[in-house]
Structures are given as structure tokens and as C-alpha cells.
């Protein structure tokens, strides 16, 4: 899997987890203190997030970082 494919799969995992929690992108963005367009780009695989950003997303979703990254 190349980097682009990985980021797209990561984004899909974030969408899946966010929707399972019943959160909108706006609600997640407020929970992690990020702008909604940033969450949108993340979910579309358009940005390569830092580990710190991913930890914040995991916390906002109420999951572990390993669960966030488990999207085989």
C-alpha cells in the first residue's frame, strides 16, 4: 500500500469510528479543537497528520490510537 492509499484508508477508518459514535465532523472538530475543514481533509485522505494530531482524534473519538490505526 502506498502512502496515498494509506491516508485514504485512515480517513475511512476515522469516518467509520466517528459515525459509530454518532458524531458529525463539526462535533469531532470541536472535541479536538480543530477547524472543520481540517477534519474533512483528514477524512478524505488529503493530509498526512502528525502523531499528535492522531492522538487527539483518537481521544476525541474515545478510542485508543491502536484502534484508530487498525484498518486492515
Protein backbone atom coordinates (compact mmCIF):
# COMPACT_ATOMS: atom_id res chain seq x y z
CA UNK A 1 0.00 0.00 0.00
CA UNK A 2 1.45 3.38 -0.93
CA UNK A 3 1.22 6.50 1.24
CA UNK A 4 -1.79 7.91 -0.62
CA UNK A 5 -3.75 4.69 -0.24
CA UNK A 6 -2.82 4.50 3.44
CA UNK A 7 -4.10 8.04 4.11
CA UNK A 8 -7.36 7.29 2.30
CA UNK A 9 -7.88 4.12 4.38
CA UNK A 10 -7.04 6.03 7.56
CA UNK A 11 -9.63 8.64 6.62
CA UNK A 12 -12.26 5.97 6.04
CA UNK A 13 -11.45 4.46 9.45
CA UNK A 14 -11.93 7.85 11.09
CA UNK A 15 -15.30 8.28 9.34
CA UNK A 16 -16.37 4.79 10.44
CA UNK A 17 -15.42 5.41 14.07
CA UNK A 18 -16.90 8.92 14.10
CA UNK A 19 -20.21 7.73 12.67
CA UNK A 20 -20.29 4.78 15.10
CA UNK A 21 -20.07 7.33 17.93
CA UNK A 22 -22.88 9.37 16.34
CA UNK A 23 -20.66 12.42 15.85
CA UNK A 24 -20.71 14.89 12.99
CA UNK A 25 -17.49 16.32 11.59
CA UNK A 26 -18.33 19.60 13.35
CA UNK A 27 -18.77 17.84 16.68
CA UNK A 28 -15.47 16.00 16.30
CA UNK A 29 -13.72 19.20 15.30
CA UNK A 30 -14.98 20.91 18.47
CA UNK A 31 -13.94 17.94 20.60
CA UNK A 32 -10.36 18.07 19.32
CA UNK A 33 -10.12 21.86 18.86
CA UNK A 34 -9.52 21.67 15.10
CA UNK A 35 -11.21 23.52 12.27
CA UNK A 36 -13.94 21.52 10.47
CA UNK A 37 -12.15 21.77 7.09
CA UNK A 38 -9.12 20.09 8.68
CA UNK A 39 -11.27 17.15 9.81
CA UNK A 40 -12.80 16.98 6.33
CA UNK A 41 -9.36 16.86 4.66
CA UNK A 42 -8.22 14.23 7.16
CA UNK A 43 -11.23 12.03 6.43
CA UNK A 44 -10.66 12.36 2.68
CA UNK A 45 -7.01 11.36 2.99
CA UNK A 46 -5.83 14.77 1.79
CA UNK A 47 -3.44 15.46 4.69
CA UNK A 48 -0.71 13.49 6.40
CA UNK A 49 -1.46 14.06 10.09
CA UNK A 50 1.15 14.11 12.82
CA UNK A 51 1.13 11.52 15.56
CA UNK A 52 -0.03 14.25 17.96
CA UNK A 53 -2.99 15.05 15.69
CA UNK A 54 -3.90 11.35 15.52
CA UNK A 55 -3.72 11.05 19.32
CA UNK A 56 -6.13 13.99 19.60
CA UNK A 57 -8.50 12.39 17.09
CA UNK A 58 -8.37 9.06 18.94
CA UNK A 59 -9.11 10.81 22.23
CA UNK A 60 -11.97 12.77 20.65
CA UNK A 61 -13.44 9.52 19.34
CA UNK A 62 -12.93 7.72 22.65
CA UNK A 63 -10.70 5.04 21.14
CA UNK A 64 -7.06 4.06 21.51
CA UNK A 65 -4.51 5.14 18.94
CA UNK A 66 -4.01 1.48 18.03
CA UNK A 67 -7.76 1.09 17.37
CA UNK A 68 -7.70 4.21 15.21
CA UNK A 69 -4.87 2.74 13.14
CA UNK A 70 -6.33 -0.79 12.91
CA UNK A 71 -7.94 -0.66 9.49
CA UNK A 72 -6.54 -3.65 7.63
